[in-house]
Protein backbone atom coordinates (compact mmCIF):
# COMPACT_ATOMS: atom_id res chain seq x y z
CA MET A 1 0.00 0.00 0.00
CA ALA A 2 2.92 2.36 0.75
CA ASP A 3 3.95 2.48 -2.92
CA ARG A 4 0.43 3.66 -3.76
CA PHE A 5 0.79 6.73 -1.56
CA ASP A 6 4.10 7.69 -3.20
CA LYS A 7 2.16 8.93 -6.24
CA PHE A 8 -0.40 10.93 -4.25
CA THR A 9 -0.50 14.66 -4.96
CA GLU A 10 -0.22 17.11 -2.09
CA GLY A 11 -3.98 17.55 -2.15
CA ALA A 12 -4.62 13.79 -2.04
CA ARG A 13 -2.19 13.40 0.88
CA ASN A 14 -4.00 16.21 2.66
CA VAL A 15 -7.26 14.30 2.24
CA LEU A 16 -5.75 11.40 4.21
CA THR A 17 -4.67 13.77 6.99
CA LEU A 18 -8.11 15.36 7.10
CA ALA A 19 -9.73 11.90 7.06
CA GLN A 20 -7.79 10.96 10.19
CA GLU A 21 -8.88 14.21 11.84
CA GLU A 22 -12.51 13.39 11.02
CA ALA A 23 -12.17 9.87 12.44
CA LEU A 24 -10.75 11.28 15.68
CA ARG A 25 -13.51 13.90 15.80
CA PHE A 26 -16.07 11.07 15.77
CA ASN A 27 -14.05 9.04 18.33
CA HIS A 28 -13.62 6.26 15.76
CA ASN A 29 -10.54 4.06 16.04
CA TYR A 30 -10.33 3.48 12.28
CA ILE A 31 -10.36 5.46 9.04
CA GLY A 32 -13.29 4.34 6.90
CA THR A 33 -14.64 5.44 3.56
CA GLU A 34 -16.91 7.92 5.37
CA HIS A 35 -13.88 9.69 6.84
CA LEU A 36 -12.16 9.76 3.45
CA LEU A 37 -15.26 11.41 2.02
CA LEU A 38 -15.30 14.05 4.77
CA GLY A 39 -11.63 14.73 4.16
CA LEU A 40 -12.30 15.03 0.44
CA VAL A 41 -15.04 17.60 0.97
CA ARG A 42 -12.81 19.59 3.32
CA GLU A 43 -9.83 19.61 0.92
CA ASP A 44 -10.83 22.66 -1.10
CA LYS A 45 -7.88 22.91 -3.48
CA GLY A 46 -8.28 19.71 -5.50
CA ILE A 47 -10.44 18.93 -8.51
CA ALA A 48 -12.68 16.70 -6.37
CA ALA A 49 -13.83 19.70 -4.35
CA GLY A 50 -14.95 21.43 -7.53
CA VAL A 51 -16.72 18.30 -8.73
CA LEU A 52 -18.55 17.88 -5.42
CA ALA A 53 -19.51 21.55 -5.37
CA ASN A 54 -20.88 21.29 -8.91
CA LEU A 55 -22.90 18.25 -7.82
CA GLY A 56 -24.31 20.08 -4.78
CA VAL A 57 -22.42 18.08 -2.12
CA GLU A 58 -21.63 20.19 0.97
CA LEU A 59 -19.57 19.40 4.08
CA LEU A 60 -22.44 19.89 6.51
CA ARG A 61 -24.73 17.55 4.55
CA VAL A 62 -22.05 14.87 4.41
CA ARG A 63 -21.18 15.22 8.09
CA SER A 64 -24.84 14.99 9.10
CA ALA A 65 -25.34 11.89 6.95
CA VAL A 66 -22.25 10.19 8.41
CA GLU A 67 -23.24 11.00 11.99
CA PHE A 68 -26.75 9.68 11.37
CA ILE A 69 -25.38 6.39 10.02
CA MET A 70 -22.38 5.82 12.26
CA GLY A 71 -22.87 7.88 15.41
CA ARG A 72 -19.96 8.80 17.68
CA GLY A 73 -17.60 6.52 19.53
CA ASP A 74 -17.70 6.08 23.32
CA ARG A 75 -14.24 7.31 24.10
CA ALA A 76 -11.60 9.60 22.66
CA VAL A 77 -8.97 8.04 20.38
CA MET A 78 -5.36 9.22 20.22
CA GLY A 79 -2.48 8.61 17.81
CA GLU A 80 -2.27 6.81 14.46
CA ILE A 81 -5.22 4.74 13.27
CA GLY A 82 -5.47 2.49 10.23
CA LEU A 83 -7.63 2.20 7.16
CA THR A 84 -10.55 -0.21 7.13
CA PRO A 85 -10.60 -2.97 4.48
CA ARG A 86 -13.17 -1.01 2.48
CA ALA A 87 -11.05 2.15 2.66
CA LYS A 88 -8.13 0.10 1.32
CA VAL A 89 -10.35 -1.07 -1.55
CA VAL A 90 -11.11 2.59 -2.29
CA ILE A 91 -7.38 3.30 -2.49
CA GLU A 92 -6.91 0.42 -4.95
CA MET A 93 -9.79 1.68 -7.07
CA THR A 94 -8.35 5.19 -6.85
CA VAL A 95 -5.10 3.93 -8.33
CA ASP A 96 -7.05 2.14 -11.07
CA GLU A 97 -8.99 5.29 -11.95
CA ALA A 98 -5.74 7.24 -12.30
CA ARG A 99 -4.38 4.49 -14.54
CA ARG A 100 -7.52 4.53 -16.68
CA LEU A 101 -7.15 8.24 -17.25
CA GLY A 102 -3.49 7.77 -18.19
CA HIS A 103 -2.29 9.87 -15.25
CA HIS A 104 1.07 9.30 -13.56
CA TYR A 105 -0.18 10.85 -10.33
CA ILE A 106 -3.05 10.16 -7.96
CA GLY A 107 -5.14 13.22 -7.17
CA THR A 108 -8.31 14.06 -5.31
CA GLU A 109 -10.35 13.45 -8.46
CA HIS A 110 -9.19 9.84 -8.53
CA LEU A 111 -10.01 9.44 -4.84
CA LEU A 112 -13.55 10.64 -5.51
CA LEU A 113 -14.02 8.25 -8.42
CA GLY A 114 -12.62 5.41 -6.32
CA MET A 115 -15.12 6.13 -3.54
CA VAL A 116 -18.13 6.22 -5.86
CA ARG A 117 -16.99 3.13 -7.71
CA GLU A 118 -16.37 1.10 -4.52
CA GLY A 119 -20.12 0.96 -4.12
CA GLU A 120 -20.49 -0.83 -0.77
CA GLY A 121 -18.92 1.55 1.75
CA ILE A 122 -20.52 4.32 3.77
CA ALA A 123 -19.09 6.98 1.47
CA ALA A 124 -20.66 5.46 -1.64
CA GLY A 125 -24.01 5.21 0.16
CA VAL A 126 -23.87 8.83 1.27
CA LEU A 127 -22.92 10.03 -2.22
CA GLU A 128 -25.69 7.96 -3.78
CA SER A 129 -28.21 9.45 -1.33
CA LEU A 130 -27.05 12.90 -2.49
CA GLY A 131 -27.56 11.98 -6.15
CA VAL A 132 -23.91 11.40 -7.07
CA THR A 133 -23.57 8.49 -9.50
CA LEU A 134 -20.38 7.20 -11.09
CA HIS A 135 -21.58 8.49 -14.46
CA LYS A 136 -22.10 12.02 -13.09
CA ALA A 137 -18.83 12.02 -11.16
CA ARG A 138 -16.80 10.90 -14.15
CA ALA A 139 -18.45 13.45 -16.41
CA GLU A 140 -17.71 16.28 -13.95
CA VAL A 141 -14.12 15.11 -13.45
CA ALA A 142 -13.57 14.95 -17.20
CA GLY A 143 -14.96 18.45 -17.64
CA LEU A 144 -12.83 20.00 -14.89
CA LEU A 145 -9.70 18.19 -16.07
CA ALA A 146 -10.24 19.62 -19.53
CA GLU A 147 -10.62 23.11 -18.07
CA THR A 148 -7.52 22.87 -15.92
CA SER A 149 -5.27 21.16 -18.48
CA PRO A 150 -2.78 23.28 -20.45
CA GLY A 151 -4.79 25.25 -22.96
CA GLY A 152 -7.92 23.62 -21.58
CA MET A 153 -10.46 24.44 -24.27
CA THR A 154 -13.08 22.64 -26.27
CA ALA A 155 -11.84 20.14 -28.83
CA VAL A 156 -10.70 21.21 -32.27
CA ASP A 157 -13.05 19.97 -34.99
CA ILE A 158 -11.32 17.77 -37.56
CA ASP A 159 -12.74 19.15 -40.80
CA GLY A 160 -13.56 16.14 -42.95
CA LYS A 161 -14.94 18.30 -45.74
CA ALA A 162 -11.67 20.22 -46.14
CA ILE A 163 -9.48 17.11 -45.93
CA ALA A 164 -11.74 15.27 -48.39
CA ALA A 165 -11.35 18.19 -50.81
CA GLU A 166 -7.55 17.78 -50.56
CA VAL A 167 -7.84 14.07 -51.33
CA ARG A 168 -10.19 14.66 -54.27
CA ALA A 169 -7.78 17.22 -55.73
CA GLU A 170 -4.98 14.66 -55.50
CA VAL A 171 -7.25 12.03 -57.10
CA ALA A 172 -7.98 14.41 -59.97
CA GLU A 173 -4.26 14.96 -60.54
CA ARG A 174 -3.55 11.21 -60.46
CA SER A 175 -6.44 10.63 -62.87
CA ARG A 176 -5.14 13.28 -65.27
CA LYS A 177 -1.63 11.84 -65.14
CA LEU A 178 -2.93 8.33 -65.80
CA LYS A 179 -4.86 9.51 -68.85
CA ASP A 180 -1.94 11.57 -70.21
CA GLU A 181 0.74 8.92 -69.69
CA ARG A 182 -1.14 5.68 -70.35
CA GLY A 183 -4.38 6.69 -72.03
CA VAL A 184 -6.41 5.23 -69.15
CA THR A 185 -9.44 7.02 -67.70
CA PRO A 186 -10.34 5.47 -64.32
CA GLY A 187 -13.92 4.16 -64.37
CA LEU A 188 -16.29 3.53 -61.47
CA ALA A 189 -19.47 1.42 -61.76
CA LEU A 190 -22.11 2.15 -59.12
CA VAL A 191 -24.79 -0.50 -58.62
CA LEU A 192 -28.01 0.27 -56.76
CA VAL A 193 -30.90 -2.15 -56.20
CA GLY A 194 -34.21 -0.67 -55.11
CA ASP A 195 -35.62 2.83 -54.63
CA ASN A 196 -34.44 3.86 -51.17
CA PRO A 197 -34.35 7.69 -51.48
CA SER A 198 -31.27 8.08 -49.26
CA SER A 199 -29.33 5.42 -51.15
CA LEU A 200 -30.34 6.86 -54.50
CA SER A 201 -29.22 10.35 -53.47
CA TYR A 202 -25.97 9.00 -52.03
CA VAL A 203 -25.09 7.00 -55.15
CA ARG A 204 -25.82 9.95 -57.43
CA SER A 205 -23.59 12.11 -55.25
CA LYS A 206 -20.78 9.56 -55.60
CA GLY A 207 -21.17 9.59 -59.37
CA ASP A 208 -21.13 13.39 -59.59
CA THR A 209 -18.08 13.61 -57.32
CA ALA A 210 -16.27 10.96 -59.39
CA GLU A 211 -16.80 12.86 -62.62
CA GLN A 212 -15.67 16.11 -60.99
CA ALA A 213 -12.41 14.35 -60.12
CA GLY A 214 -11.88 13.27 -63.74
CA LEU A 215 -13.20 9.70 -63.46
CA TYR A 216 -15.69 8.05 -65.76
CA SER A 217 -18.75 6.90 -63.79
CA ASP A 218 -22.01 5.15 -64.54
CA MET A 219 -24.89 4.12 -62.26
CA PHE A 220 -26.78 0.88 -62.79
CA HIS A 221 -30.16 1.17 -61.05
CA LEU A 222 -32.02 -2.16 -60.75
CA PRO A 223 -35.58 -2.73 -59.46
CA GLU A 224 -36.25 -3.79 -55.86
CA SER A 225 -37.63 -7.09 -57.21
CA THR A 226 -34.35 -8.02 -58.92
CA SER A 227 -33.35 -11.61 -58.15
CA GLN A 228 -30.00 -12.51 -56.66
CA ASP A 229 -29.03 -14.43 -59.78
CA ARG A 230 -29.80 -11.41 -61.96
CA LEU A 231 -27.63 -9.14 -59.82
CA LEU A 232 -24.80 -11.70 -59.77
CA SER A 233 -24.97 -11.92 -63.57
CA HIS A 234 -24.80 -8.12 -63.81
CA ILE A 235 -21.74 -7.96 -61.53
CA LEU A 236 -20.00 -10.63 -63.63
CA ASP A 237 -20.64 -8.51 -66.73
CA LEU A 238 -19.09 -5.48 -65.02
CA ASN A 239 -16.08 -7.58 -64.02
CA THR A 240 -15.27 -8.00 -67.72
CA ASP A 241 -16.22 -4.45 -68.79
CA ALA A 242 -12.96 -2.64 -69.60
CA ARG A 243 -14.54 0.77 -68.98
CA PHE A 244 -14.62 0.14 -65.23
CA HIS A 245 -11.67 -0.26 -62.86
CA GLY A 246 -13.82 -0.10 -59.74
CA ILE A 247 -17.22 -1.58 -58.84
CA LEU A 248 -19.32 -0.53 -55.86
CA VAL A 249 -22.58 -2.24 -54.87
CA GLN A 250 -24.55 0.09 -52.61
CA LEU A 251 -25.80 -1.37 -49.34
CA PRO A 252 -28.24 -2.32 -47.93
CA LEU A 253 -29.51 -4.89 -50.40
CA PRO A 254 -33.11 -6.18 -50.63
CA PRO A 255 -33.95 -9.07 -48.27
CA GLN A 256 -34.00 -11.71 -51.03
CA MET A 257 -30.24 -11.26 -51.52
CA ASN A 258 -27.26 -12.68 -49.64
CA GLU A 259 -24.87 -9.79 -49.05
CA SER A 260 -21.83 -12.03 -48.67
CA ALA A 261 -22.51 -13.79 -51.98
CA ILE A 262 -22.99 -10.49 -53.81
CA MET A 263 -19.82 -8.92 -52.43
CA GLY A 264 -17.93 -12.13 -53.16
CA ALA A 265 -18.86 -11.91 -56.83
CA ILE A 266 -16.93 -8.66 -57.33
CA ASP A 267 -13.54 -9.17 -58.99
CA PRO A 268 -10.93 -8.31 -56.28
CA ALA A 269 -9.05 -6.36 -58.97
CA LYS A 270 -12.14 -4.10 -59.29
CA ASP A 271 -13.10 -4.00 -55.60
CA ALA A 272 -13.39 -0.23 -55.09
CA ASP A 273 -14.51 -0.53 -51.46
CA GLY A 274 -12.06 -3.24 -50.38
CA VAL A 275 -14.82 -5.57 -49.18
CA THR A 276 -13.98 -8.87 -50.90
CA ALA A 277 -12.55 -11.68 -48.80
CA LYS A 278 -9.34 -11.71 -50.84
CA ASN A 279 -8.67 -8.01 -50.32
CA LEU A 280 -9.54 -8.16 -46.61
CA GLY A 281 -7.04 -11.01 -46.36
CA HIS A 282 -4.38 -8.92 -48.08
CA LEU A 283 -5.18 -6.07 -45.70
CA MET A 284 -4.72 -8.26 -42.63
CA ARG A 285 -1.38 -9.48 -43.97
CA GLY A 286 -0.24 -5.93 -44.68
CA GLU A 287 -0.07 -6.53 -48.44
CA PRO A 288 -1.03 -3.99 -51.15
CA CYS A 289 -4.80 -3.82 -51.71
CA PRO A 290 -7.65 -1.29 -51.73
CA TRP A 291 -8.62 -0.57 -48.13
CA PRO A 292 -12.30 -0.24 -47.19
CA ALA A 293 -13.11 3.40 -47.88
CA THR A 294 -14.15 4.48 -44.39
CA PRO A 295 -11.08 3.03 -42.58
CA ALA A 296 -8.88 4.53 -45.30
CA GLY A 297 -10.55 7.88 -44.67
CA ILE A 298 -9.93 7.60 -40.92
CA VAL A 299 -6.21 7.09 -41.54
CA GLU A 300 -6.11 10.21 -43.71
CA LEU A 301 -8.04 12.24 -41.13
CA LEU A 302 -5.58 11.28 -38.39
CA HIS A 303 -2.45 12.07 -40.39
CA ARG A 304 -3.67 15.21 -42.11
CA SER A 305 -5.05 16.69 -38.87
CA GLY A 306 -1.70 16.23 -37.12
CA ASN A 307 -2.76 13.25 -35.01
CA PRO A 308 -0.69 10.32 -36.35
CA PRO A 309 -1.41 6.99 -34.63
CA THR A 310 2.23 5.89 -34.25
CA GLY A 311 2.93 4.92 -30.64
CA LYS A 312 -0.62 5.73 -29.55
CA HIS A 313 -3.20 3.51 -27.88
CA VAL A 314 -6.15 3.30 -30.25
CA VAL A 315 -9.45 1.90 -29.01
CA VAL A 316 -11.94 0.88 -31.70
CA CYS A 317 -15.57 0.42 -30.68
CA GLY A 318 -17.31 -1.77 -33.24
CA ARG A 319 -16.33 -4.97 -35.08
CA SER A 320 -18.04 -4.67 -38.47
CA ASN A 321 -16.32 -6.05 -41.56
CA ILE A 322 -16.30 -2.64 -43.24
CA VAL A 323 -15.06 -0.42 -40.38
CA GLY A 324 -14.14 -1.93 -37.02
CA LYS A 325 -12.14 -5.00 -38.05
CA PRO A 326 -10.26 -3.38 -40.95
CA ILE A 327 -9.31 -0.16 -39.12
CA ALA A 328 -8.01 -2.20 -36.18
CA ASN A 329 -5.93 -4.32 -38.57
CA ILE A 330 -4.62 -1.29 -40.45
CA LEU A 331 -3.51 0.67 -37.39
CA MET A 332 -1.72 -2.23 -35.69
CA GLN A 333 0.54 -2.90 -38.70
CA LYS A 334 4.24 -2.16 -38.85
CA SER A 335 4.07 0.95 -40.99
CA ASP A 336 4.80 4.65 -40.72
CA ARG A 337 1.06 5.13 -41.31
CA ALA A 338 0.16 2.92 -38.35
CA ASN A 339 2.30 1.42 -35.54
CA ALA A 340 -0.41 1.87 -32.92
CA THR A 341 -1.36 -0.37 -30.02
CA VAL A 342 -4.96 -1.34 -30.76
CA THR A 343 -7.82 -2.52 -28.55
CA LEU A 344 -11.05 -3.66 -30.25
CA CYS A 345 -14.29 -3.43 -28.24
CA HIS A 346 -17.78 -4.55 -29.22
CA THR A 347 -21.27 -5.27 -27.87
CA GLY A 348 -19.93 -8.20 -25.88
CA THR A 349 -17.35 -6.06 -24.05
CA PRO A 350 -18.35 -5.60 -20.38
CA GLU A 351 -17.79 -2.10 -18.92
CA ILE A 352 -16.56 -0.67 -22.20
CA GLY A 353 -15.49 2.51 -20.40
CA ARG A 354 -12.61 0.57 -18.83
CA PHE A 355 -11.05 0.52 -22.28
CA THR A 356 -12.24 3.77 -23.84
CA ARG A 357 -10.82 5.79 -20.96
CA GLN A 358 -7.36 4.48 -21.90
CA ALA A 359 -7.58 5.60 -25.53
CA ASP A 360 -5.28 8.26 -26.95
CA ILE A 361 -7.36 7.84 -30.11
CA LEU A 362 -10.96 6.62 -29.80
CA ILE A 363 -12.80 5.41 -32.90
CA ALA A 364 -16.57 4.99 -32.45
CA ALA A 365 -18.21 2.75 -35.06
CA MET A 366 -21.02 1.12 -33.10
CA GLY A 367 -24.15 2.30 -34.91
CA VAL A 368 -25.71 3.58 -31.67
CA ALA A 369 -26.53 7.28 -31.35
CA GLY A 370 -24.66 9.01 -28.49
CA ALA A 371 -23.13 5.78 -27.17
CA ILE A 372 -19.81 7.47 -26.31
CA THR A 373 -20.24 10.01 -23.51
CA ALA A 374 -17.76 12.37 -21.87
CA ASP A 375 -17.29 10.26 -18.76
CA ILE A 376 -15.77 7.38 -20.74
CA VAL A 377 -13.36 9.51 -22.78
CA LYS A 378 -9.79 10.18 -21.69
CA PRO A 379 -9.13 13.94 -21.37
CA GLY A 380 -7.17 15.10 -24.40
CA ALA A 381 -8.10 12.10 -26.55
CA VAL A 382 -8.65 12.34 -30.30
CA VAL A 383 -12.17 11.10 -31.08
CA ILE A 384 -13.19 9.81 -34.52
CA ASP A 385 -16.96 9.41 -34.87
CA VAL A 386 -18.00 7.01 -37.64
CA GLY A 387 -21.66 6.98 -36.55
CA ASN A 388 -24.41 7.80 -39.03
CA ASN A 389 -27.72 7.75 -37.13
CA TRP A 390 -30.99 9.53 -37.80
CA VAL A 391 -32.87 10.74 -34.71
CA ASP A 392 -36.18 12.56 -34.37
CA ASP A 393 -35.96 16.35 -34.25
CA PRO A 394 -39.28 18.24 -34.43
CA SER A 395 -37.39 21.53 -34.84
CA ARG A 396 -36.16 20.43 -38.28
CA LYS A 397 -38.32 20.68 -41.38
CA SER A 398 -37.58 17.03 -42.14
CA GLY A 399 -38.44 16.04 -38.56
CA ARG A 400 -35.08 14.37 -38.05
CA ARG A 401 -31.34 15.05 -37.92
CA LEU A 402 -28.11 13.14 -38.40
CA VAL A 403 -25.98 12.37 -35.33
CA GLY A 404 -22.98 10.18 -34.62
CA ASP A 405 -22.14 7.50 -32.08
CA VAL A 406 -20.51 10.17 -29.90
CA ASP A 407 -22.33 12.63 -27.64
CA TYR A 408 -20.63 15.50 -29.46
CA ASP A 409 -21.57 18.40 -27.15
CA SER A 410 -20.21 16.78 -23.98
CA VAL A 411 -17.24 14.92 -25.48
CA ARG A 412 -15.86 18.01 -27.24
CA GLU A 413 -15.37 19.52 -23.78
CA VAL A 414 -13.02 16.64 -22.90
CA ALA A 415 -11.29 15.63 -26.13
CA SER A 416 -8.48 17.54 -27.84
CA ALA A 417 -9.85 16.87 -31.34
CA ILE A 418 -13.09 15.39 -32.66
CA THR A 419 -14.83 14.70 -35.96
CA PRO A 420 -18.31 16.26 -36.21
CA VAL A 421 -21.32 14.49 -37.70
CA PRO A 422 -22.04 15.41 -40.40
CA GLY A 423 -18.84 16.83 -41.89
CA GLY A 424 -16.25 14.47 -40.45
CA VAL A 425 -15.77 10.90 -41.62
CA GLY A 426 -18.63 10.94 -44.17
CA PRO A 427 -16.97 13.12 -46.84
CA MET A 428 -13.79 11.06 -46.52
CA THR A 429 -15.57 7.82 -47.41
CA ILE A 430 -16.49 9.10 -50.88
CA ALA A 431 -13.04 10.64 -51.40
CA MET A 432 -11.29 7.37 -50.54
CA LEU A 433 -13.65 5.40 -52.81
CA LEU A 434 -12.41 7.56 -55.69
CA SER A 435 -8.81 7.18 -54.55
CA ASN A 436 -9.24 3.39 -54.50
CA THR A 437 -10.68 3.42 -58.01
CA VAL A 438 -7.70 5.37 -59.33
CA TRP A 439 -5.32 3.03 -57.44
CA LEU A 440 -6.96 0.04 -59.14
CA ALA A 441 -6.68 1.76 -62.52
CA GLU A 442 -3.00 2.57 -61.85
CA ARG A 443 -2.33 -1.05 -60.92
CA TYR A 444 -4.49 -2.98 -63.38
CA GLY A 445 -5.61 -0.52 -66.05
CA GLN A 446 -4.68 -1.21 -69.66
CA GLY A 447 -4.13 1.61 -72.12
């Protein structure tokens, strides 16, 4: 236990001194979690005091609650007294909370989080009776840490629109060079089945953007009733069509179709979105291949915004085949574009905050609106929000609005950089689709 106290800040050490004073005041011959709480409320210089004040916790209310529960001892106590087993558990949890936040010190804020998290002691009961939950405490701690950190300000928005424009300009130059030097115009085939208005608009936007970047593009719009065999036959035709170097089948597909079978029919040499099993295998092995467009866009966002992943701990939330798995595989590779330590979380991960609070870079790709909140984000982290969720909003003419998997308003007060939704990852996905198409034309195109 002694080595734990070596990392305590002056304020945290003062809490222990004040806790002993409170125990002696109550004629208790031990220091319990209740005395630690009283000491924490009395220590007015640490972050915990500000958190407790913001949550409406006052010394007199705490003291009254403790006296009501514990009462006073029969006789005065003198000299040194020890921590109870539960108080020792609080210290261990305090150390763990500091570790989760990536701090090399143990401050009053960690003591507070340890007390709330311990759950069974007098202190946790008192705090719960005063409306202090672990979620609220962590959110307040994160907010105050962000305010007191060097340059403590709201996160910088990573402008996906601007970075995507850079990528598209580079794609246009590569396309022009390919045409001038080899007589090859990169071609992208866009396949849409059904009449989903959002999908139709999205595919048309991809086609327009492709042509603006100097690519040849054509959309093949098939009826909702199209059979799987008919779609497979169409994809096989496109595989042999020399006009196209990239093929993209827009998802979702109608229920009568097997997505895996359809994606598997695309020639890997024309796989513009990097979704075929062969290309995903190449990706995992670190071999040249088109990367799935969204993960490729995330890599560009990190590097071009000045947040390279090398040496960082990246936590990915989500294990889909088009985002979570490939971005985890990309960033763990031995490469000057990667070299990160990667943790992959998913719906089966218990207490996901244990992992997200360790992330230098947090990538949210869960498909759940607002799943990532401020209390589970490490102060100063870079947050990439891949979410694309529609929620009701009566104030909008459409009655809905687009939000991500991150609670943007609260997390931007904790993070150092964050991608907004919309305007973050979304524009990059289209830009990288075009980049992949040109890459395929550069590699396989015949003049």
